[in-house]
Amino acid sequence: MGNFLRRAKAFRPNRLFEERAGLRRQALDIESERLGKVETLKTDPIEFFCQVLGVEPFDYQKQLIELFQKNQFIAARWSRQSGKSFTTSGILLNYALANPGFYIGVVGLVGAKLNW
């Protein structure tokens, strides 16, 4: 019975609006921080690999990333299961995010027999 005898709390609209404005400011701060991080990730593909893809690239993968940044065309000839597809996909995903409106083409040669 004691719960029914309590007085109702007063509704304070000013306090509610202040809390709402504070939450809005926090949301805007978080959004601006996220946008700043996105801009950093667009310009630094290695950081993009670490932060977005969750992978620290090996030295040979970093070398391919740097070659991609400096050259229009590149060819990667690595051993099996060394991360060619993953690395190439990550590089192209980063490039697509940084350069909207571009077309990206990938040419692959699978199982080709070359006589040297």
PDB file of N, CA and C in Angstrom:
ATOM      1  N   MET A   1       0.807  -1.199   0.000  1.00  0.00           N
ATOM      2  CA  MET A   1       0.000   0.000   0.000  1.00  0.00           C
ATOM      3  C   MET A   1       0.847   1.260   0.000  1.00  0.00           C
ATOM      4  N   GLY A   2       2.070   1.184   0.487  1.00  0.00           N
ATOM      5  CA  GLY A   2       2.916   2.370   0.587  1.00  0.00           C
ATOM      6  C   GLY A   2       3.232   2.980  -0.761  1.00  0.00           C
ATOM      7  N   ASN A   3       3.260   2.168  -1.831  1.00  0.00           N
ATOM      8  CA  ASN A   3       3.575   2.691  -3.162  1.00  0.00           C
ATOM      9  C   ASN A   3       2.480   3.611  -3.690  1.00  0.00           C
ATOM     10  N   PHE A   4       1.271   3.385  -3.277  1.00  0.00           N
ATOM     11  CA  PHE A   4       0.166   4.207  -3.776  1.00  0.00           C
ATOM     12  C   PHE A   4       0.106   5.573  -3.112  1.00  0.00           C
ATOM     13  N   LEU A   5       0.764   5.715  -1.989  1.00  0.00           N
ATOM     14  CA  LEU A   5       0.701   6.966  -1.252  1.00  0.00           C
ATOM     15  C   LEU A   5       1.773   7.962  -1.688  1.00  0.00           C
ATOM     16  N   ARG A   6       2.673   7.550  -2.549  1.00  0.00           N
ATOM     17  CA  ARG A   6       3.736   8.454  -3.011  1.00  0.00           C
ATOM     18  C   ARG A   6       3.160   9.531  -3.911  1.00  0.00           C
ATOM     19  N   ARG A   7       3.807  10.680  -3.870  1.00  0.00           N
ATOM     20  CA  ARG A   7       3.399  11.764  -4.741  1.00  0.00           C
ATOM     21  C   ARG A   7       4.008  11.583  -6.117  1.00  0.00           C
ATOM     22  N   ALA A   8       3.280  11.951  -7.111  1.00  0.00           N
ATOM     23  CA  ALA A   8       3.789  11.882  -8.480  1.00  0.00           C
ATOM     24  C   ALA A   8       4.843  12.968  -8.670  1.00  0.00           C
ATOM     25  N   LYS A   9       5.870  12.613  -9.457  1.00  0.00           N
ATOM     26  CA  LYS A   9       6.916  13.596  -9.752  1.00  0.00           C
ATOM     27  C   LYS A   9       6.364  14.643 -10.697  1.00  0.00           C
ATOM     28  N   ALA A  10       6.836  15.842 -10.515  1.00  0.00           N
ATOM     29  CA  ALA A  10       6.375  16.945 -11.358  1.00  0.00           C
ATOM     30  C   ALA A  10       7.027  16.820 -12.736  1.00  0.00           C
ATOM     31  N   PHE A  11       6.264  17.102 -13.742  1.00  0.00           N
ATOM     32  CA  PHE A  11       6.770  17.096 -15.117  1.00  0.00           C
ATOM     33  C   PHE A  11       7.425  18.443 -15.381  1.00  0.00           C
ATOM     34  N   ARG A  12       8.680  18.392 -15.752  1.00  0.00           N
ATOM     35  CA  ARG A  12       9.435  19.628 -16.010  1.00  0.00           C
ATOM     36  C   ARG A  12       9.829  19.647 -17.481  1.00  0.00           C
ATOM     37  N   PRO A  13       9.053  20.328 -18.319  1.00  0.00           N
ATOM     38  CA  PRO A  13       9.362  20.326 -19.758  1.00  0.00           C
ATOM     39  C   PRO A  13      10.700  20.983 -20.081  1.00  0.00           C
ATOM     40  N   ASN A  14      11.103  21.998 -19.335  1.00  0.00           N
ATOM     41  CA  ASN A  14      12.383  22.654 -19.617  1.00  0.00           C
ATOM     42  C   ASN A  14      13.547  21.682 -19.438  1.00  0.00           C
ATOM     43  N   ARG A  15      13.476  20.876 -18.403  1.00  0.00           N
ATOM     44  CA  ARG A  15      14.533  19.891 -18.153  1.00  0.00           C
ATOM     45  C   ARG A  15      14.561  18.859 -19.284  1.00  0.00           C
ATOM     46  N   LEU A  16      13.402  18.450 -19.726  1.00  0.00           N
ATOM     47  CA  LEU A  16      13.318  17.487 -20.817  1.00  0.00           C
ATOM     48  C   LEU A  16      13.935  18.054 -22.096  1.00  0.00           C
ATOM     49  N   PHE A  17      13.647  19.299 -22.401  1.00  0.00           N
ATOM     50  CA  PHE A  17      14.204  19.932 -23.605  1.00  0.00           C
ATOM     51  C   PHE A  17      15.712  20.115 -23.488  1.00  0.00           C
ATOM     52  N   GLU A  18      16.197  20.417 -22.276  1.00  0.00           N
ATOM     53  CA  GLU A  18      17.646  20.558 -22.075  1.00  0.00           C
ATOM     54  C   GLU A  18      18.354  19.221 -22.289  1.00  0.00           C
ATOM     55  N   GLU A  19      17.763  18.155 -21.758  1.00  0.00           N
ATOM     56  CA  GLU A  19      18.358  16.834 -21.946  1.00  0.00           C
ATOM     57  C   GLU A  19      18.360  16.435 -23.425  1.00  0.00           C
ATOM     58  N   ARG A  20      17.285  16.751 -24.093  1.00  0.00           N
ATOM     59  CA  ARG A  20      17.188  16.437 -25.521  1.00  0.00           C
ATOM     60  C   ARG A  20      18.231  17.211 -26.324  1.00  0.00           C
ATOM     61  N   ALA A  21      18.405  18.493 -25.999  1.00  0.00           N
ATOM     62  CA  ALA A  21      19.418  19.304 -26.690  1.00  0.00           C
ATOM     63  C   ALA A  21      20.820  18.760 -26.416  1.00  0.00           C
ATOM     64  N   GLY A  22      21.066  18.317 -25.184  1.00  0.00           N
ATOM     65  CA  GLY A  22      22.366  17.729 -24.854  1.00  0.00           C
ATOM     66  C   GLY A  22      22.625  16.456 -25.642  1.00  0.00           C
ATOM     67  N   LEU A  23      21.615  15.622 -25.767  1.00  0.00           N
ATOM     68  CA  LEU A  23      21.755  14.394 -26.551  1.00  0.00           C
ATOM     69  C   LEU A  23      21.991  14.704 -28.024  1.00  0.00           C
ATOM     70  N   ARG A  24      21.325  15.725 -28.527  1.00  0.00           N
ATOM     71  CA  ARG A  24      21.524  16.126 -29.926  1.00  0.00           C
ATOM     72  C   ARG A  24      22.963  16.600 -30.159  1.00  0.00           C
ATOM     73  N   ARG A  25      23.492  17.377 -29.198  1.00  0.00           N
ATOM     74  CA  ARG A  25      24.886  17.839 -29.318  1.00  0.00           C
ATOM     75  C   ARG A  25      25.848  16.657 -29.309  1.00  0.00           C
ATOM     76  N   GLN A  26      25.595  15.688 -28.431  1.00  0.00           N
ATOM     77  CA  GLN A  26      26.452  14.499 -28.380  1.00  0.00           C
ATOM     78  C   GLN A  26      26.393  13.722 -29.689  1.00  0.00           C
ATOM     79  N   ALA A  27      25.194  13.589 -30.250  1.00  0.00           N
ATOM     80  CA  ALA A  27      25.048  12.872 -31.521  1.00  0.00           C
ATOM     81  C   ALA A  27      25.789  13.591 -32.638  1.00  0.00           C
ATOM     82  N   LEU A  28      25.711  14.913 -32.668  1.00  0.00           N
ATOM     83  CA  LEU A  28      26.424  15.686 -33.691  1.00  0.00           C
ATOM     84  C   LEU A  28      27.931  15.562 -33.525  1.00  0.00           C
ATOM     85  N   ASP A  29      28.408  15.558 -32.284  1.00  0.00           N
ATOM     86  CA  ASP A  29      29.845  15.377 -32.036  1.00  0.00           C
ATOM     87  C   ASP A  29      30.315  14.012 -32.513  1.00  0.00           C
ATOM     88  N   ILE A  30      29.538  12.980 -32.217  1.00  0.00           N
ATOM     89  CA  ILE A  30      29.893  11.621 -32.642  1.00  0.00           C
ATOM     90  C   ILE A  30      29.894  11.530 -34.167  1.00  0.00           C
ATOM     91  N   GLU A  31      28.901  12.138 -34.807  1.00  0.00           N
ATOM     92  CA  GLU A  31      28.819  12.105 -36.268  1.00  0.00           C
ATOM     93  C   GLU A  31      29.990  12.833 -36.911  1.00  0.00           C
ATOM     94  N   SER A  32      30.375  13.995 -36.367  1.00  0.00           N
ATOM     95  CA  SER A  32      31.508  14.724 -36.935  1.00  0.00           C
ATOM     96  C   SER A  32      32.806  13.947 -36.727  1.00  0.00           C
ATOM     97  N   GLU A  33      32.919  13.245 -35.601  1.00  0.00           N
ATOM     98  CA  GLU A  33      34.098  12.407 -35.368  1.00  0.00           C
ATOM     99  C   GLU A  33      34.155  11.263 -36.371  1.00  0.00           C
ATOM    100  N   ARG A  34      33.005  10.649 -36.634  1.00  0.00           N
ATOM    101  CA  ARG A  34      32.941   9.561 -37.616  1.00  0.00           C
ATOM    102  C   ARG A  34      33.314  10.056 -39.007  1.00  0.00           C
ATOM    103  N   LEU A  35      32.802  11.233 -39.383  1.00  0.00           N
ATOM    104  CA  LEU A  35      33.120  11.769 -40.713  1.00  0.00           C
ATOM    105  C   LEU A  35      34.605  12.072 -40.845  1.00  0.00           C
ATOM    106  N   GLY A  36      35.215  12.578 -39.782  1.00  0.00           N
ATOM    107  CA  GLY A  36      36.656  12.817 -39.802  1.00  0.00           C
ATOM    108  C   GLY A  36      37.433  11.529 -39.960  1.00  0.00           C
ATOM    109  N   LYS A  37      36.969  10.478 -39.297  1.00  0.00           N
ATOM    110  CA  LYS A  37      37.625   9.182 -39.411  1.00  0.00           C
ATOM    111  C   LYS A  37      37.477   8.617 -40.813  1.00  0.00           C
ATOM    112  N   VAL A  38      36.306   8.803 -41.420  1.00  0.00           N
ATOM    113  CA  VAL A  38      36.074   8.330 -42.787  1.00  0.00           C
ATOM    114  C   VAL A  38      37.017   9.039 -43.753  1.00  0.00           C
ATOM    115  N   GLU A  39      37.192  10.337 -43.577  1.00  0.00           N
ATOM    116  CA  GLU A  39      38.102  11.079 -44.454  1.00  0.00           C
ATOM    117  C   GLU A  39      39.534  10.574 -44.313  1.00  0.00           C
ATOM    118  N   THR A  40      39.939  10.250 -43.096  1.00  0.00           N
ATOM    119  CA  THR A  40      41.279   9.702 -42.880  1.00  0.00           C
ATOM    120  C   THR A  40      41.422   8.347 -43.561  1.00  0.00           C
ATOM    121  N   LEU A  41      40.391   7.519 -43.448  1.00  0.00           N
ATOM    122  CA  LEU A  41      40.451   6.183 -44.046  1.00  0.00           C
ATOM    123  C   LEU A  41      40.444   6.241 -45.564  1.00  0.00           C
ATOM    124  N   LYS A  42      39.833   7.273 -46.139  1.00  0.00           N
ATOM    125  CA  LYS A  42      39.835   7.408 -47.603  1.00  0.00           C
ATOM    126  C   LYS A  42      41.239   7.663 -48.130  1.00  0.00           C
ATOM    127  N   THR A  43      42.029   8.424 -47.383  1.00  0.00           N
ATOM    128  CA  THR A  43      43.345   8.813 -47.873  1.00  0.00           C
ATOM    129  C   THR A  43      44.456   7.845 -47.475  1.00  0.00           C
ATOM    130  N   ASP A  44      44.206   6.958 -46.521  1.00  0.00           N
ATOM    131  CA  ASP A  44      45.234   6.031 -46.059  1.00  0.00           C
ATOM    132  C   ASP A  44      44.727   4.589 -46.182  1.00  0.00           C
ATOM    133  N   PRO A  45      45.028   3.921 -47.307  1.00  0.00           N
ATOM    134  CA  PRO A  45      44.515   2.562 -47.510  1.00  0.00           C
ATOM    135  C   PRO A  45      45.000   1.543 -46.485  1.00  0.00           C
ATOM    136  N   ILE A  46      46.209   1.707 -45.988  1.00  0.00           N
ATOM    137  CA  ILE A  46      46.720   0.754 -45.004  1.00  0.00           C
ATOM    138  C   ILE A  46      45.929   0.879 -43.705  1.00  0.00           C
ATOM    139  N   GLU A  47      45.622   2.097 -43.310  1.00  0.00           N
ATOM    140  CA  GLU A  47      44.777   2.307 -42.133  1.00  0.00           C
ATOM    141  C   GLU A  47      43.360   1.789 -42.392  1.00  0.00           C
ATOM    142  N   PHE A  48      42.894   1.912 -43.633  1.00  0.00           N
ATOM    143  CA  PHE A  48      41.596   1.366 -44.024  1.00  0.00           C
ATOM    144  C   PHE A  48      41.573  -0.151 -43.804  1.00  0.00           C
ATOM    145  N   PHE A  49      42.647  -0.822 -44.211  1.00  0.00           N
ATOM    146  CA  PHE A  49      42.739  -2.269 -44.008  1.00  0.00           C
ATOM    147  C   PHE A  49      42.661  -2.609 -42.519  1.00  0.00           C
ATOM    148  N   CYS A  50      43.382  -1.841 -41.696  1.00  0.00           N
ATOM    149  CA  CYS A  50      43.421  -2.135 -40.258  1.00  0.00           C
ATOM    150  C   CYS A  50      42.082  -1.845 -39.592  1.00  0.00           C
ATOM    151  N   GLN A  51      41.514  -0.675 -39.858  1.00  0.00           N
ATOM    152  CA  GLN A  51      40.308  -0.240 -39.145  1.00  0.00           C
ATOM    153  C   GLN A  51      39.033  -0.894 -39.682  1.00  0.00           C
ATOM    154  N   VAL A  52      38.870  -0.910 -40.987  1.00  0.00           N
ATOM    155  CA  VAL A  52      37.612  -1.383 -41.566  1.00  0.00           C
ATOM    156  C   VAL A  52      37.631  -2.892 -41.790  1.00  0.00           C
ATOM    157  N   LEU A  53      38.691  -3.398 -42.394  1.00  0.00           N
ATOM    158  CA  LEU A  53      38.760  -4.818 -42.709  1.00  0.00           C
ATOM    159  C   LEU A  53      39.297  -5.652 -41.547  1.00  0.00           C
ATOM    160  N   GLY A  54      39.921  -4.992 -40.567  1.00  0.00           N
ATOM    161  CA  GLY A  54      40.416  -5.694 -39.393  1.00  0.00           C
ATOM    162  C   GLY A  54      41.634  -6.558 -39.659  1.00  0.00           C
ATOM    163  N   VAL A  55      42.457  -6.155 -40.624  1.00  0.00           N
ATOM    164  CA  VAL A  55      43.626  -6.947 -41.011  1.00  0.00           C
ATOM    165  C   VAL A  55      44.831  -6.024 -41.116  1.00  0.00           C
ATOM    166  N   GLU A  56      45.923  -6.424 -40.505  1.00  0.00           N
ATOM    167  CA  GLU A  56      47.188  -5.706 -40.678  1.00  0.00           C
ATOM    168  C   GLU A  56      47.886  -6.319 -41.884  1.00  0.00           C
ATOM    169  N   PRO A  57      48.037  -5.554 -42.985  1.00  0.00           N
ATOM    170  CA  PRO A  57      48.633  -6.128 -44.192  1.00  0.00           C
ATOM    171  C   PRO A  57      50.106  -6.508 -43.982  1.00  0.00           C
ATOM    172  N   PHE A  58      50.512  -7.583 -44.647  1.00  0.00           N
ATOM    173  CA  PHE A  58      51.913  -7.975 -44.650  1.00  0.00           C
ATOM    174  C   PHE A  58      52.707  -7.010 -45.524  1.00  0.00           C
ATOM    175  N   ASP A  59      54.014  -7.109 -45.471  1.00  0.00           N
ATOM    176  CA  ASP A  59      54.868  -6.183 -46.223  1.00  0.00           C
ATOM    177  C   ASP A  59      54.596  -6.253 -47.728  1.00  0.00           C
ATOM    178  N   TYR A  60      54.427  -7.464 -48.265  1.00  0.00           N
ATOM    179  CA  TYR A  60      54.182  -7.581 -49.710  1.00  0.00           C
ATOM    180  C   TYR A  60      52.816  -7.016 -50.081  1.00  0.00           C
ATOM    181  N   GLN A  61      51.839  -7.086 -49.170  1.00  0.00           N
ATOM    182  CA  GLN A  61      50.535  -6.473 -49.426  1.00  0.00           C
ATOM    183  C   GLN A  61      50.638  -4.949 -49.373  1.00  0.00           C
ATOM    184  N   LYS A  62      51.417  -4.437 -48.428  1.00  0.00           N
ATOM    185  CA  LYS A  62      51.641  -2.983 -48.348  1.00  0.00           C
ATOM    186  C   LYS A  62      52.327  -2.486 -49.620  1.00  0.00           C
ATOM    187  N   GLN A  63      53.267  -3.281 -50.134  1.00  0.00           N
ATOM    188  CA  GLN A  63      53.957  -2.907 -51.365  1.00  0.00           C
ATOM    189  C   GLN A  63      52.965  -2.826 -52.532  1.00  0.00           C
ATOM    190  N   LEU A  64      52.031  -3.760 -52.608  1.00  0.00           N
ATOM    191  CA  LEU A  64      51.020  -3.725 -53.665  1.00  0.00           C
ATOM    192  C   LEU A  64      50.117  -2.501 -53.510  1.00  0.00           C
ATOM    193  N   ILE A  65      49.757  -2.174 -52.275  1.00  0.00           N
ATOM    194  CA  ILE A  65      48.929  -0.994 -52.019  1.00  0.00           C
ATOM    195  C   ILE A  65      49.648   0.264 -52.495  1.00  0.00           C
ATOM    196  N   GLU A  66      50.922   0.373 -52.183  1.00  0.00           N
ATOM    197  CA  GLU A  66      51.700   1.537 -52.610  1.00  0.00           C
ATOM    198  C   GLU A  66      51.834   1.587 -54.131  1.00  0.00           C
ATOM    199  N   LEU A  67      52.038   0.435 -54.761  1.00  0.00           N
ATOM    200  CA  LEU A  67      52.124   0.399 -56.222  1.00  0.00           C
ATOM    201  C   LEU A  67      50.807   0.840 -56.859  1.00  0.00           C
ATOM    202  N   PHE A  68      49.693   0.435 -56.261  1.00  0.00           N
ATOM    203  CA  PHE A  68      48.381   0.827 -56.776  1.00  0.00           C
ATOM    204  C   PHE A  68      48.191   2.338 -56.703  1.00  0.00           C
ATOM    205  N   GLN A  69      48.693   2.940 -55.626  1.00  0.00           N
ATOM    206  CA  GLN A  69      48.553   4.391 -55.475  1.00  0.00           C
ATOM    207  C   GLN A  69      49.397   5.161 -56.489  1.00  0.00           C
ATOM    208  N   LYS A  70      50.505   4.579 -56.928  1.00  0.00           N
ATOM    209  CA  LYS A  70      51.428   5.292 -57.808  1.00  0.00           C
ATOM    210  C   LYS A  70      51.229   4.992 -59.284  1.00  0.00           C
ATOM    211  N   ASN A  71      50.610   3.854 -59.640  1.00  0.00           N
ATOM    212  CA  ASN A  71      50.525   3.419 -61.031  1.00  0.00           C
ATOM    213  C   ASN A  71      49.083   3.222 -61.466  1.00  0.00           C
ATOM    214  N   GLN A  72      48.873   3.390 -62.761  1.00  0.00           N
ATOM    215  CA  GLN A  72      47.536   3.196 -63.307  1.00  0.00           C
ATOM    216  C   GLN A  72      47.206   1.704 -63.440  1.00  0.00           C
ATOM    217  N   PHE A  73      48.167   0.912 -63.873  1.00  0.00           N
ATOM    218  CA  PHE A  73      47.973  -0.524 -64.048  1.00  0.00           C
ATOM    219  C   PHE A  73      48.991  -1.272 -63.209  1.00  0.00           C
ATOM    220  N   ILE A  74      48.537  -2.351 -62.577  1.00  0.00           N
ATOM    221  CA  ILE A  74      49.450  -3.210 -61.818  1.00  0.00           C
ATOM    222  C   ILE A  74      49.074  -4.663 -62.076  1.00  0.00           C
ATOM    223  N   ALA A  75      50.038  -5.537 -61.880  1.00  0.00           N
ATOM    224  CA  ALA A  75      49.795  -6.978 -61.982  1.00  0.00           C
ATOM    225  C   ALA A  75      50.380  -7.626 -60.737  1.00  0.00           C
ATOM    226  N   ALA A  76      49.607  -8.497 -60.130  1.00  0.00           N
ATOM    227  CA  ALA A  76      50.061  -9.202 -58.936  1.00  0.00           C
ATOM    228  C   ALA A  76      50.177 -10.688 -59.263  1.00  0.00           C
ATOM    229  N   ARG A  77      51.366 -11.201 -59.137  1.00  0.00           N
ATOM    230  CA  ARG A  77      51.598 -12.622 -59.375  1.00  0.00           C
ATOM    231  C   ARG A  77      52.232 -13.199 -58.115  1.00  0.00           C
ATOM    232  N   TRP A  78      51.369 -13.758 -57.292  1.00  0.00           N
ATOM    233  CA  TRP A  78      51.807 -14.313 -56.017  1.00  0.00           C
ATOM    234  C   TRP A  78      51.475 -15.795 -55.978  1.00  0.00           C
ATOM    235  N   SER A  79      51.966 -16.438 -54.940  1.00  0.00           N
ATOM    236  CA  SER A  79      51.681 -17.866 -54.779  1.00  0.00           C
ATOM    237  C   SER A  79      50.216 -18.072 -54.391  1.00  0.00           C
ATOM    238  N   ARG A  80      49.796 -19.311 -54.407  1.00  0.00           N
ATOM    239  CA  ARG A  80      48.421 -19.646 -54.031  1.00  0.00           C
ATOM    240  C   ARG A  80      48.183 -19.314 -52.566  1.00  0.00           C
ATOM    241  N   GLN A  81      46.945 -18.944 -52.247  1.00  0.00           N
ATOM    242  CA  GLN A  81      46.511 -18.694 -50.879  1.00  0.00           C
ATOM    243  C   GLN A  81      47.324 -17.609 -50.178  1.00  0.00           C
ATOM    244  N   SER A  82      47.773 -16.608 -50.908  1.00  0.00           N
ATOM    245  CA  SER A  82      48.589 -15.552 -50.298  1.00  0.00           C
ATOM    246  C   SER A  82      47.816 -14.246 -50.110  1.00  0.00           C
ATOM    247  N   GLY A  83      46.544 -14.235 -50.451  1.00  0.00           N
ATOM    248  CA  GLY A  83      45.726 -13.055 -50.207  1.00  0.00           C
ATOM    249  C   GLY A  83      45.589 -12.117 -51.383  1.00  0.00           C
ATOM    250  N   LYS A  84      45.758 -12.618 -52.586  1.00  0.00           N
ATOM    251  CA  LYS A  84      45.642 -11.761 -53.774  1.00  0.00           C
ATOM    252  C   LYS A  84      44.246 -11.174 -53.898  1.00  0.00           C
ATOM    253  N   SER A  85      43.246 -12.022 -53.858  1.00  0.00           N
ATOM    254  CA  SER A  85      41.860 -11.561 -54.029  1.00  0.00           C
ATOM    255  C   SER A  85      41.445 -10.627 -52.904  1.00  0.00           C
ATOM    256  N   PHE A  86      41.794 -10.976 -51.680  1.00  0.00           N
ATOM    257  CA  PHE A  86      41.433 -10.153 -50.533  1.00  0.00           C
ATOM    258  C   PHE A  86      42.097  -8.780 -50.606  1.00  0.00           C
ATOM    259  N   THR A  87      43.389  -8.777 -50.896  1.00  0.00           N
ATOM    260  CA  THR A  87      44.124  -7.513 -50.964  1.00  0.00           C
ATOM    261  C   THR A  87      43.601  -6.648 -52.098  1.00  0.00           C
ATOM    262  N   THR A  88      43.402  -7.235 -53.253  1.00  0.00           N
ATOM    263  CA  THR A  88      42.890  -6.487 -54.396  1.00  0.00           C
ATOM    264  C   THR A  88      41.494  -5.952 -54.106  1.00  0.00           C
ATOM    265  N   SER A  89      40.648  -6.757 -53.503  1.00  0.00           N
ATOM    266  CA  SER A  89      39.298  -6.307 -53.166  1.00  0.00           C
ATOM    267  C   SER A  89      39.333  -5.157 -52.169  1.00  0.00           C
ATOM    268  N   GLY A  90      40.192  -5.254 -51.168  1.00  0.00           N
ATOM    269  CA  GLY A  90      40.315  -4.177 -50.188  1.00  0.00           C
ATOM    270  C   GLY A  90      40.813  -2.884 -50.806  1.00  0.00           C
ATOM    271  N   ILE A  91      41.799  -2.999 -51.697  1.00  0.00           N
ATOM    272  CA  ILE A  91      42.328  -1.809 -52.386  1.00  0.00           C
ATOM    273  C   ILE A  91      41.232  -1.158 -53.218  1.00  0.00           C
ATOM    274  N   LEU A  92      40.499  -1.965 -53.973  1.00  0.00           N
ATOM    275  CA  LEU A  92      39.456  -1.423 -54.846  1.00  0.00           C
ATOM    276  C   LEU A  92      38.272  -0.876 -54.052  1.00  0.00           C
ATOM    277  N   LEU A  93      37.948  -1.503 -52.928  1.00  0.00           N
ATOM    278  CA  LEU A  93      36.887  -0.977 -52.076  1.00  0.00           C
ATOM    279  C   LEU A  93      37.276   0.383 -51.526  1.00  0.00           C
ATOM    280  N   ASN A  94      38.495   0.521 -51.066  1.00  0.00           N
ATOM    281  CA  ASN A  94      38.975   1.804 -50.575  1.00  0.00           C
ATOM    282  C   ASN A  94      38.969   2.854 -51.679  1.00  0.00           C
ATOM    283  N   TYR A  95      39.391   2.463 -52.869  1.00  0.00           N
ATOM    284  CA  TYR A  95      39.413   3.393 -54.005  1.00  0.00           C
ATOM    285  C   TYR A  95      37.996   3.817 -54.385  1.00  0.00           C
ATOM    286  N   ALA A  96      37.061   2.877 -54.362  1.00  0.00           N
ATOM    287  CA  ALA A  96      35.675   3.201 -54.708  1.00  0.00           C
ATOM    288  C   ALA A  96      35.060   4.156 -53.689  1.00  0.00           C
ATOM    289  N   LEU A  97      35.374   3.977 -52.421  1.00  0.00           N
ATOM    290  CA  LEU A  97      34.842   4.878 -51.397  1.00  0.00           C
ATOM    291  C   LEU A  97      35.447   6.267 -51.512  1.00  0.00           C
ATOM    292  N   ALA A  98      36.715   6.332 -51.886  1.00  0.00           N
ATOM    293  CA  ALA A  98      37.396   7.619 -51.994  1.00  0.00           C
ATOM    294  C   ALA A  98      37.067   8.344 -53.297  1.00  0.00           C
ATOM    295  N   ASN A  99      36.659   7.610 -54.330  1.00  0.00           N
ATOM    296  CA  ASN A  99      36.403   8.199 -55.649  1.00  0.00           C
ATOM    297  C   ASN A  99      35.050   7.737 -56.186  1.00  0.00           C
ATOM    298  N   PRO A 100      33.958   8.298 -55.687  1.00  0.00           N
ATOM    299  CA  PRO A 100      32.649   7.874 -56.194  1.00  0.00           C
ATOM    300  C   PRO A 100      32.471   8.276 -57.654  1.00  0.00           C
ATOM    301  N   GLY A 101      31.763   7.453 -58.396  1.00  0.00           N
ATOM    302  CA  GLY A 101      31.498   7.762 -59.797  1.00  0.00           C
ATOM    303  C   GLY A 101      32.487   7.153 -60.773  1.00  0.00           C
ATOM    304  N   PHE A 102      33.502   6.461 -60.296  1.00  0.00           N
ATOM    305  CA  PHE A 102      34.473   5.824 -61.165  1.00  0.00           C
ATOM    306  C   PHE A 102      34.043   4.399 -61.468  1.00  0.00           C
ATOM    307  N   TYR A 103      34.459   3.911 -62.616  1.00  0.00           N
ATOM    308  CA  TYR A 103      34.231   2.515 -62.976  1.00  0.00           C
ATOM    309  C   TYR A 103      35.501   1.737 -62.672  1.00  0.00           C
ATOM    310  N   ILE A 104      35.333   0.552 -62.122  1.00  0.00           N
ATOM    311  CA  ILE A 104      36.473  -0.289 -61.774  1.00  0.00           C
ATOM    312  C   ILE A 104      36.334  -1.600 -62.524  1.00  0.00           C
ATOM    313  N   GLY A 105      37.385  -1.987 -63.228  1.00  0.00           N
ATOM    314  CA  GLY A 105      37.390  -3.248 -63.963  1.00  0.00           C
ATOM    315  C   GLY A 105      38.501  -4.142 -63.451  1.00  0.00           C
ATOM    316  N   VAL A 106      38.210  -5.422 -63.316  1.00  0.00           N
ATOM    317  CA  VAL A 106      39.194  -6.395 -62.846  1.00  0.00           C
ATOM    318  C   VAL A 106      39.300  -7.490 -63.890  1.00  0.00           C
ATOM    319  N   VAL A 107      40.517  -7.785 -64.293  1.00  0.00           N
ATOM    320  CA  VAL A 107      40.763  -8.848 -65.246  1.00  0.00           C
ATOM    321  C   VAL A 107      41.589  -9.905 -64.528  1.00  0.00           C
ATOM    322  N   GLY A 108      41.109 -11.133 -64.573  1.00  0.00           N
ATOM    323  CA  GLY A 108      41.829 -12.218 -63.919  1.00  0.00           C
ATOM    324  C   GLY A 108      42.103 -13.343 -64.876  1.00  0.00           C
ATOM    325  N   LEU A 109      43.212 -13.987 -64.685  1.00  0.00           N
ATOM    326  CA  LEU A 109      43.598 -15.117 -65.510  1.00  0.00           C
ATOM    327  C   LEU A 109      43.758 -16.309 -64.587  1.00  0.00           C
ATOM    328  N   VAL A 110      42.891 -17.292 -64.733  1.00  0.00           N
ATOM    329  CA  VAL A 110      42.899 -18.433 -63.837  1.00  0.00           C
ATOM    330  C   VAL A 110      43.324 -19.680 -64.608  1.00  0.00           C
ATOM    331  N   GLY A 111      44.253 -20.391 -64.059  1.00  0.00           N
ATOM    332  CA  GLY A 111      44.650 -21.670 -64.624  1.00  0.00           C
ATOM    333  C   GLY A 111      45.326 -21.580 -65.978  1.00  0.00           C
ATOM    334  N   ALA A 112      45.915 -20.469 -66.290  1.00  0.00           N
ATOM    335  CA  ALA A 112      46.578 -20.327 -67.585  1.00  0.00           C
ATOM    336  C   ALA A 112      47.917 -21.068 -67.557  1.00  0.00           C
ATOM    337  N   LYS A 113      48.221 -21.681 -68.655  1.00  0.00           N
ATOM    338  CA  LYS A 113      49.482 -22.390 -68.756  1.00  0.00           C
ATOM    339  C   LYS A 113      50.402 -21.557 -69.633  1.00  0.00           C
ATOM    340  N   LEU A 114      51.439 -21.039 -69.014  1.00  0.00           N
ATOM    341  CA  LEU A 114      52.395 -20.206 -69.728  1.00  0.00           C
ATOM    342  C   LEU A 114      53.691 -20.986 -69.941  1.00  0.00           C
ATOM    343  N   ASN A 115      54.168 -20.967 -71.131  1.00  0.00           N
ATOM    344  CA  ASN A 115      55.445 -21.609 -71.435  1.00  0.00           C
ATOM    345  C   ASN A 115      56.510 -20.533 -71.539  1.00  0.00           C
ATOM    346  N   TRP A 116      57.382 -20.526 -70.600  1.00  0.00           N
ATOM    347  CA  TRP A 116      58.428 -19.498 -70.588  1.00  0.00           C
ATOM    348  C   TRP A 116      59.588 -19.978 -71.360  1.00  0.00           C
TER     349      TRP A 116
END
